[in-house]
PDB file of N, CA and C in Angstrom:
ATOM      1  N   UNK A   1      -5.278  -3.955  -6.108  1.00  0.00           N
ATOM      2  CA  UNK A   1      -4.950  -4.833  -7.207  1.00  0.00           C
ATOM      3  C   UNK A   1      -5.870  -4.549  -8.391  1.00  0.00           C
ATOM      4  N   UNK A   2      -7.155  -4.437  -8.081  1.00  0.00           N
ATOM      5  CA  UNK A   2      -8.145  -4.223  -9.133  1.00  0.00           C
ATOM      6  C   UNK A   2      -7.869  -2.927  -9.890  1.00  0.00           C
ATOM      7  N   UNK A   3      -7.536  -1.860  -9.161  1.00  0.00           N
ATOM      8  CA  UNK A   3      -7.343  -0.558  -9.789  1.00  0.00           C
ATOM      9  C   UNK A   3      -6.176  -0.524 -10.767  1.00  0.00           C
ATOM     10  N   UNK A   4      -5.167  -1.340 -10.515  1.00  0.00           N
ATOM     11  CA  UNK A   4      -4.032  -1.349 -11.436  1.00  0.00           C
ATOM     12  C   UNK A   4      -4.026  -2.559 -12.359  1.00  0.00           C
ATOM     13  N   UNK A   5      -5.086  -3.347 -12.316  1.00  0.00           N
ATOM     14  CA  UNK A   5      -5.272  -4.432 -13.265  1.00  0.00           C
ATOM     15  C   UNK A   5      -4.489  -5.704 -12.977  1.00  0.00           C
ATOM     16  N   UNK A   6      -4.161  -5.959 -11.717  1.00  0.00           N
ATOM     17  CA  UNK A   6      -3.439  -7.178 -11.366  1.00  0.00           C
ATOM     18  C   UNK A   6      -4.384  -8.191 -10.743  1.00  0.00           C
ATOM     19  N   UNK A   7      -4.127  -9.474 -11.000  1.00  0.00           N
ATOM     20  CA  UNK A   7      -5.022 -10.506 -10.503  1.00  0.00           C
ATOM     21  C   UNK A   7      -4.328 -11.533  -9.617  1.00  0.00           C
ATOM     22  N   UNK A   8      -3.025 -11.652  -9.690  1.00  0.00           N
ATOM     23  CA  UNK A   8      -2.301 -12.669  -8.948  1.00  0.00           C
ATOM     24  C   UNK A   8      -1.824 -12.088  -7.614  1.00  0.00           C
ATOM     25  N   UNK A   9      -2.519 -12.413  -6.531  1.00  0.00           N
ATOM     26  CA  UNK A   9      -2.261 -11.825  -5.219  1.00  0.00           C
ATOM     27  C   UNK A   9      -0.838 -12.055  -4.709  1.00  0.00           C
ATOM     28  N   UNK A  10      -0.274 -13.266  -4.799  1.00  0.00           N
ATOM     29  CA  UNK A  10       1.100 -13.443  -4.293  1.00  0.00           C
ATOM     30  C   UNK A  10       2.115 -12.518  -4.971  1.00  0.00           C
ATOM     31  N   UNK A  11       1.983 -12.335  -6.270  1.00  0.00           N
ATOM     32  CA  UNK A  11       2.886 -11.442  -6.985  1.00  0.00           C
ATOM     33  C   UNK A  11       2.656 -10.001  -6.565  1.00  0.00           C
ATOM     34  N   UNK A  12       1.409  -9.614  -6.380  1.00  0.00           N
ATOM     35  CA  UNK A  12       1.078  -8.265  -5.929  1.00  0.00           C
ATOM     36  C   UNK A  12       1.707  -7.995  -4.569  1.00  0.00           C
ATOM     37  N   UNK A  13       1.596  -8.946  -3.648  1.00  0.00           N
ATOM     38  CA  UNK A  13       2.183  -8.782  -2.322  1.00  0.00           C
ATOM     39  C   UNK A  13       3.706  -8.669  -2.409  1.00  0.00           C
ATOM     40  N   UNK A  14       4.318  -9.551  -3.185  1.00  0.00           N
ATOM     41  CA  UNK A  14       5.778  -9.583  -3.294  1.00  0.00           C
ATOM     42  C   UNK A  14       6.335  -8.327  -3.965  1.00  0.00           C
ATOM     43  N   UNK A  15       5.695  -7.875  -5.031  1.00  0.00           N
ATOM     44  CA  UNK A  15       6.238  -6.775  -5.829  1.00  0.00           C
ATOM     45  C   UNK A  15       5.785  -5.391  -5.398  1.00  0.00           C
ATOM     46  N   UNK A  16       4.651  -5.282  -4.711  1.00  0.00           N
ATOM     47  CA  UNK A  16       4.114  -3.969  -4.393  1.00  0.00           C
ATOM     48  C   UNK A  16       3.903  -3.739  -2.895  1.00  0.00           C
ATOM     49  N   UNK A  17       3.132  -4.592  -2.244  1.00  0.00           N
ATOM     50  CA  UNK A  17       2.764  -4.353  -0.845  1.00  0.00           C
ATOM     51  C   UNK A  17       3.959  -4.490   0.093  1.00  0.00           C
ATOM     52  N   UNK A  18       4.689  -5.599   0.013  1.00  0.00           N
ATOM     53  CA  UNK A  18       5.818  -5.798   0.931  1.00  0.00           C
ATOM     54  C   UNK A  18       6.886  -4.711   0.794  1.00  0.00           C
ATOM     55  N   UNK A  19       7.289  -4.313  -0.423  1.00  0.00           N
ATOM     56  CA  UNK A  19       8.252  -3.209  -0.526  1.00  0.00           C
ATOM     57  C   UNK A  19       7.696  -1.883   0.029  1.00  0.00           C
ATOM     58  N   UNK A  20       6.407  -1.635  -0.153  1.00  0.00           N
ATOM     59  CA  UNK A  20       5.810  -0.409   0.374  1.00  0.00           C
ATOM     60  C   UNK A  20       5.805  -0.414   1.900  1.00  0.00           C
ATOM     61  N   UNK A  21       5.558  -1.563   2.504  1.00  0.00           N
ATOM     62  CA  UNK A  21       5.595  -1.681   3.961  1.00  0.00           C
ATOM     63  C   UNK A  21       7.023  -1.489   4.460  1.00  0.00           C
ATOM     64  N   UNK A  22       7.983  -2.144   3.815  1.00  0.00           N
ATOM     65  CA  UNK A  22       9.389  -2.038   4.221  1.00  0.00           C
ATOM     66  C   UNK A  22       9.920  -0.621   4.072  1.00  0.00           C
ATOM     67  N   UNK A  23       9.421   0.122   3.090  1.00  0.00           N
ATOM     68  CA  UNK A  23       9.860   1.503   2.864  1.00  0.00           C
ATOM     69  C   UNK A  23       9.137   2.505   3.752  1.00  0.00           C
ATOM     70  N   UNK A  24       8.108   2.064   4.440  1.00  0.00           N
ATOM     71  CA  UNK A  24       7.396   2.950   5.352  1.00  0.00           C
ATOM     72  C   UNK A  24       6.277   3.754   4.728  1.00  0.00           C
ATOM     73  N   UNK A  25       5.819   3.376   3.542  1.00  0.00           N
ATOM     74  CA  UNK A  25       4.721   4.081   2.886  1.00  0.00           C
ATOM     75  C   UNK A  25       3.359   3.518   3.291  1.00  0.00           C
ATOM     76  N   UNK A  26       3.339   2.260   3.700  1.00  0.00           N
ATOM     77  CA  UNK A  26       2.102   1.557   4.037  1.00  0.00           C
ATOM     78  C   UNK A  26       2.307   0.817   5.358  1.00  0.00           C
ATOM     79  N   UNK A  27       1.229   0.699   6.136  1.00  0.00           N
ATOM     80  CA  UNK A  27       1.262  -0.118   7.352  1.00  0.00           C
ATOM     81  C   UNK A  27      -0.001  -0.965   7.379  1.00  0.00           C
ATOM     82  N   UNK A  28       0.022  -2.009   8.191  1.00  0.00           N
ATOM     83  CA  UNK A  28      -1.157  -2.861   8.325  1.00  0.00           C
ATOM     84  C   UNK A  28      -1.940  -2.457   9.562  1.00  0.00           C
ATOM     85  N   UNK A  29      -3.241  -2.655   9.522  1.00  0.00           N
ATOM     86  CA  UNK A  29      -4.110  -2.271  10.622  1.00  0.00           C
ATOM     87  C   UNK A  29      -3.896  -3.161  11.838  1.00  0.00           C
ATOM     88  N   UNK A  30      -3.693  -4.455  11.622  1.00  0.00           N
ATOM     89  CA  UNK A  30      -3.469  -5.407  12.709  1.00  0.00           C
ATOM     90  C   UNK A  30      -2.105  -6.073  12.514  1.00  0.00           C
ATOM     91  N   UNK A  31      -1.013  -5.409  12.899  1.00  0.00           N
ATOM     92  CA  UNK A  31       0.315  -5.969  12.639  1.00  0.00           C
ATOM     93  C   UNK A  31       0.599  -7.258  13.397  1.00  0.00           C
ATOM     94  N   UNK A  32      -0.060  -7.462  14.527  1.00  0.00           N
ATOM     95  CA  UNK A  32       0.178  -8.677  15.301  1.00  0.00           C
ATOM     96  C   UNK A  32      -0.555  -9.885  14.738  1.00  0.00           C
ATOM     97  N   UNK A  33      -1.560  -9.654  13.885  1.00  0.00           N
ATOM     98  CA  UNK A  33      -2.340 -10.743  13.284  1.00  0.00           C
ATOM     99  C   UNK A  33      -2.484 -10.478  11.787  1.00  0.00           C
ATOM    100  N   UNK A  34      -1.504 -10.923  11.021  1.00  0.00           N
ATOM    101  CA  UNK A  34      -1.502 -10.625   9.586  1.00  0.00           C
ATOM    102  C   UNK A  34      -2.661 -11.270   8.831  1.00  0.00           C
ATOM    103  N   UNK A  35      -3.254 -12.316   9.378  1.00  0.00           N
ATOM    104  CA  UNK A  35      -4.392 -12.962   8.717  1.00  0.00           C
ATOM    105  C   UNK A  35      -5.718 -12.583   9.355  1.00  0.00           C
ATOM    106  N   UNK A  36      -5.763 -11.462  10.035  1.00  0.00           N
ATOM    107  CA  UNK A  36      -6.997 -10.996  10.663  1.00  0.00           C
ATOM    108  C   UNK A  36      -8.064 -10.788   9.590  1.00  0.00           C
ATOM    109  N   UNK A  37      -9.308 -11.191   9.858  1.00  0.00           N
ATOM    110  CA  UNK A  37     -10.352 -11.084   8.832  1.00  0.00           C
ATOM    111  C   UNK A  37     -10.638  -9.649   8.374  1.00  0.00           C
ATOM    112  N   UNK A  38     -10.346  -8.680   9.206  1.00  0.00           N
ATOM    113  CA  UNK A  38     -10.575  -7.279   8.827  1.00  0.00           C
ATOM    114  C   UNK A  38      -9.268  -6.528   8.559  1.00  0.00           C
ATOM    115  N   UNK A  39      -8.225  -7.271   8.167  1.00  0.00           N
ATOM    116  CA  UNK A  39      -6.924  -6.663   7.904  1.00  0.00           C
ATOM    117  C   UNK A  39      -7.039  -5.667   6.760  1.00  0.00           C
ATOM    118  N   UNK A  40      -6.407  -4.521   6.938  1.00  0.00           N
ATOM    119  CA  UNK A  40      -6.396  -3.477   5.919  1.00  0.00           C
ATOM    120  C   UNK A  40      -4.991  -2.906   5.820  1.00  0.00           C
ATOM    121  N   UNK A  41      -4.678  -2.340   4.676  1.00  0.00           N
ATOM    122  CA  UNK A  41      -3.421  -1.635   4.480  1.00  0.00           C
ATOM    123  C   UNK A  41      -3.731  -0.150   4.526  1.00  0.00           C
ATOM    124  N   UNK A  42      -2.945   0.589   5.312  1.00  0.00           N
ATOM    125  CA  UNK A  42      -3.170   2.012   5.500  1.00  0.00           C
ATOM    126  C   UNK A  42      -1.934   2.795   5.088  1.00  0.00           C
ATOM    127  N   UNK A  43      -2.143   3.980   4.520  1.00  0.00           N
ATOM    128  CA  UNK A  43      -1.022   4.845   4.197  1.00  0.00           C
ATOM    129  C   UNK A  43      -0.477   5.461   5.476  1.00  0.00           C
ATOM    130  N   UNK A  44       0.831   5.546   5.560  1.00  0.00           N
ATOM    131  CA  UNK A  44       1.466   6.256   6.662  1.00  0.00           C
ATOM    132  C   UNK A  44       1.538   7.737   6.278  1.00  0.00           C
ATOM    133  N   UNK A  45       2.065   8.559   7.160  1.00  0.00           N
ATOM    134  CA  UNK A  45       2.251   9.977   6.847  1.00  0.00           C
ATOM    135  C   UNK A  45       3.168  10.114   5.633  1.00  0.00           C
ATOM    136  N   UNK A  46       4.190   9.295   5.590  1.00  0.00           N
ATOM    137  CA  UNK A  46       5.115   9.298   4.453  1.00  0.00           C
ATOM    138  C   UNK A  46       4.392   8.909   3.162  1.00  0.00           C
ATOM    139  N   UNK A  47       3.507   7.928   3.237  1.00  0.00           N
ATOM    140  CA  UNK A  47       2.737   7.502   2.077  1.00  0.00           C
ATOM    141  C   UNK A  47       1.759   8.563   1.606  1.00  0.00           C
ATOM    142  N   UNK A  48       1.120   9.241   2.565  1.00  0.00           N
ATOM    143  CA  UNK A  48       0.184  10.312   2.217  1.00  0.00           C
ATOM    144  C   UNK A  48       0.909  11.472   1.555  1.00  0.00           C
ATOM    145  N   UNK A  49       2.113  11.779   2.029  1.00  0.00           N
ATOM    146  CA  UNK A  49       2.898  12.852   1.421  1.00  0.00           C
ATOM    147  C   UNK A  49       3.268  12.507  -0.016  1.00  0.00           C
ATOM    148  N   UNK A  50       3.661  11.258  -0.251  1.00  0.00           N
ATOM    149  CA  UNK A  50       3.988  10.828  -1.609  1.00  0.00           C
ATOM    150  C   UNK A  50       2.764  10.910  -2.513  1.00  0.00           C
ATOM    151  N   UNK A  51       1.626  10.427  -2.040  1.00  0.00           N
ATOM    152  CA  UNK A  51       0.398  10.472  -2.828  1.00  0.00           C
ATOM    153  C   UNK A  51       0.021  11.918  -3.161  1.00  0.00           C
ATOM    154  N   UNK A  52       0.151  12.798  -2.181  1.00  0.00           N
ATOM    155  CA  UNK A  52      -0.173  14.199  -2.402  1.00  0.00           C
ATOM    156  C   UNK A  52       0.740  14.822  -3.468  1.00  0.00           C
ATOM    157  N   UNK A  53       2.032  14.523  -3.389  1.00  0.00           N
ATOM    158  CA  UNK A  53       2.956  15.089  -4.372  1.00  0.00           C
ATOM    159  C   UNK A  53       2.705  14.526  -5.765  1.00  0.00           C
ATOM    160  N   UNK A  54       2.330  13.242  -5.842  1.00  0.00           N
ATOM    161  CA  UNK A  54       2.018  12.655  -7.145  1.00  0.00           C
ATOM    162  C   UNK A  54       0.743  13.262  -7.731  1.00  0.00           C
ATOM    163  N   UNK A  55      -0.243  13.508  -6.881  1.00  0.00           N
ATOM    164  CA  UNK A  55      -1.489  14.134  -7.355  1.00  0.00           C
ATOM    165  C   UNK A  55      -1.239  15.545  -7.841  1.00  0.00           C
ATOM    166  N   UNK A  56      -0.397  16.300  -7.142  1.00  0.00           N
ATOM    167  CA  UNK A  56      -0.086  17.667  -7.559  1.00  0.00           C
ATOM    168  C   UNK A  56       0.655  17.662  -8.895  1.00  0.00           C
ATOM    169  N   UNK A  57       1.574  16.716  -9.054  1.00  0.00           N
ATOM    170  CA  UNK A  57       2.349  16.631 -10.291  1.00  0.00           C
ATOM    171  C   UNK A  57       1.443  16.244 -11.451  1.00  0.00           C
ATOM    172  N   UNK A  58       0.461  15.394 -11.207  1.00  0.00           N
ATOM    173  CA  UNK A  58      -0.456  14.946 -12.255  1.00  0.00           C
ATOM    174  C   UNK A  58      -1.398  16.035 -12.728  1.00  0.00           C
ATOM    175  N   UNK A  59      -1.678  17.017 -11.877  1.00  0.00           N
ATOM    176  CA  UNK A  59      -2.581  18.107 -12.236  1.00  0.00           C
ATOM    177  C   UNK A  59      -1.896  19.183 -13.055  1.00  0.00           C
ATOM    178  N   UNK A  60      -0.572  19.184 -13.097  1.00  0.00           N
ATOM    179  CA  UNK A  60       0.178  20.214 -13.826  1.00  0.00           C
ATOM    180  C   UNK A  60       0.109  20.018 -15.305  1.00  0.00           C
TER     181      UNK A  60
END
């Protein structure tokens, strides 16, 4: 959120995180406990591939 300048967490979850999870780009570290104190969002293989292609395109 901080990196892209957003401050309202519910909107961030609704507009960015949930669609990324549903599309398979992101997964949660503890899927059985969404409110786990050490919950993290992780890129999937599909997400890493997208990030890599975006980085390559940005360097051109």
